[in-house]
Protein backbone atom coordinates (compact mmCIF):
# COMPACT_ATOMS: atom_id res chain seq x y z
CA MET A 1 -0.02 -0.30 0.12
CA ILE A 2 2.59 2.46 -1.07
CA PHE A 3 -0.11 5.32 -3.11
CA PHE A 4 -3.54 4.96 -0.13
CA GLY A 5 -4.10 2.68 2.63
CA TRP A 6 -6.76 1.77 5.30
CA GLY A 7 -7.56 -0.27 8.28
CA ARG A 8 -7.75 -0.62 12.36
CA LYS A 9 -5.51 0.68 14.84
CA ASN A 10 -5.33 1.35 18.37
CA LYS A 11 -3.34 3.85 20.50
CA THR A 12 -3.42 3.01 24.33
CA GLN A 13 -2.51 4.35 27.85
CA GLN A 14 -1.66 2.81 30.96
CA ILE A 15 -4.02 3.52 34.06
CA ASP A 16 -2.08 1.62 36.78
CA ALA A 17 0.13 -1.83 37.02
CA ARG A 18 -3.97 -3.94 36.21
CA GLN A 19 -5.91 -1.67 33.78
CA ALA A 20 -4.43 0.07 30.90
CA LEU A 21 -7.17 2.66 28.71
CA ILE A 22 -7.75 1.77 25.11
CA LEU A 23 -8.65 3.96 22.27
CA SER A 24 -9.81 2.06 19.10
CA PHE A 25 -10.30 4.02 14.89
CA ASN A 26 -10.38 3.01 11.74
CA TYR A 27 -8.91 5.05 9.18
CA PHE A 28 -7.40 5.99 5.97
CA HIS A 29 -4.46 6.96 4.79
CA LEU A 30 -3.01 8.87 1.57
CA PHE A 31 0.98 8.37 1.31
CA TRP A 32 1.01 7.86 5.11
CA LEU A 33 0.79 11.40 5.29
CA PHE A 34 -2.70 12.18 4.68
CA ARG A 35 -4.96 10.92 7.41
CA VAL A 36 -8.78 10.61 7.91
CA ALA A 37 -10.18 8.80 11.24
CA PHE A 38 -13.10 7.86 12.11
CA GLY A 39 -15.23 5.49 14.22
CA LEU A 40 -13.43 5.90 17.74
CA ASN A 41 -13.73 3.72 20.42
CA TYR A 42 -13.22 3.88 23.99
CA SER A 43 -12.34 1.08 26.22
CA VAL A 44 -10.81 0.02 29.77
CA ALA A 45 -8.91 -3.36 29.35
CA THR A 46 -8.00 -5.58 33.22
CA LEU A 47 -5.70 -8.08 33.75
CA THR A 48 -7.03 -11.13 35.50
CA ASP A 49 -5.92 -14.59 36.47
CA ASP A 50 -7.00 -15.53 33.03
CA GLY A 51 -4.88 -12.48 31.19
CA TRP A 52 -6.25 -9.28 29.91
CA ALA A 53 -10.60 -8.90 29.67
CA THR A 54 -11.61 -6.09 28.49
CA ARG A 55 -15.32 -4.11 28.55
CA ARG A 56 -15.66 -1.29 25.88
CA LEU A 57 -16.70 2.03 27.45
CA SER A 58 -20.45 3.64 26.86
CA PRO A 59 -20.54 7.34 25.96
CA ALA A 60 -21.08 8.58 28.96
CA GLU A 61 -18.50 6.78 30.48
CA VAL A 62 -15.97 7.76 28.01
CA GLU A 63 -16.92 11.55 29.16
CA ALA A 64 -17.58 11.56 33.13
CA GLY A 65 -14.49 9.87 33.04
CA GLY A 66 -12.39 11.92 31.38
CA ALA A 67 -10.66 9.60 28.37
CA ALA A 68 -11.50 11.89 25.65
CA THR A 69 -8.71 14.15 26.76
CA ALA A 70 -6.40 11.57 28.62
CA LEU A 71 -6.09 9.74 25.49
CA THR A 72 -6.51 10.82 22.15
CA LEU A 73 -5.83 11.35 18.31
CA HIS A 74 -3.60 14.35 16.76
CA TRP A 75 -6.17 16.70 14.97
CA TRP A 76 -3.98 16.07 11.75
CA TRP A 77 -4.51 12.20 12.34
CA ARG A 78 -8.25 12.28 12.46
CA PHE A 79 -8.61 15.30 9.90
CA GLY A 80 -5.59 16.14 8.09
CA LEU A 81 -7.19 14.16 4.72
CA LEU A 82 -9.74 15.95 4.28
CA ILE A 83 -7.39 19.41 5.52
CA GLY A 84 -5.37 18.97 2.34
CA ILE A 85 -8.22 18.21 0.39
CA ALA A 86 -9.95 21.90 1.45
CA ALA A 87 -6.17 23.21 0.47
CA ILE A 88 -6.32 21.77 -2.81
CA VAL A 89 -10.25 23.69 -3.62
CA VAL A 90 -9.00 27.22 -2.04
CA ILE A 91 -5.79 26.45 -4.94
CA ALA A 92 -7.32 25.78 -6.94
CA THR A 93 -10.22 28.42 -6.76
CA LEU A 94 -7.92 30.81 -6.16
CA ALA A 95 -6.06 29.61 -9.35
CA SER A 96 -8.92 29.84 -11.39
CA ILE A 97 -10.00 33.54 -10.13
CA THR A 98 -6.88 35.19 -11.73
């Protein structure tokens, strides 16, 4: 996937020795630079005797617990492709006016 790609990734932040906050998201990119991420889902993983147990957080739990501010994606990773397209449209419009 040299020119474009898509997939699903996770970003993790350790809460303590037995818990971790997980942000899962889908993405699409062009040339690895222009990316748009969507479908953000938060989960909490807890270490048990049988391994890691993961529980998805509801939107109310995300807001109440501050998960969205503790673990988030950079604005360029979320909207870089859209910003790039908007910049091309603006430049093309300005070029056609003159």
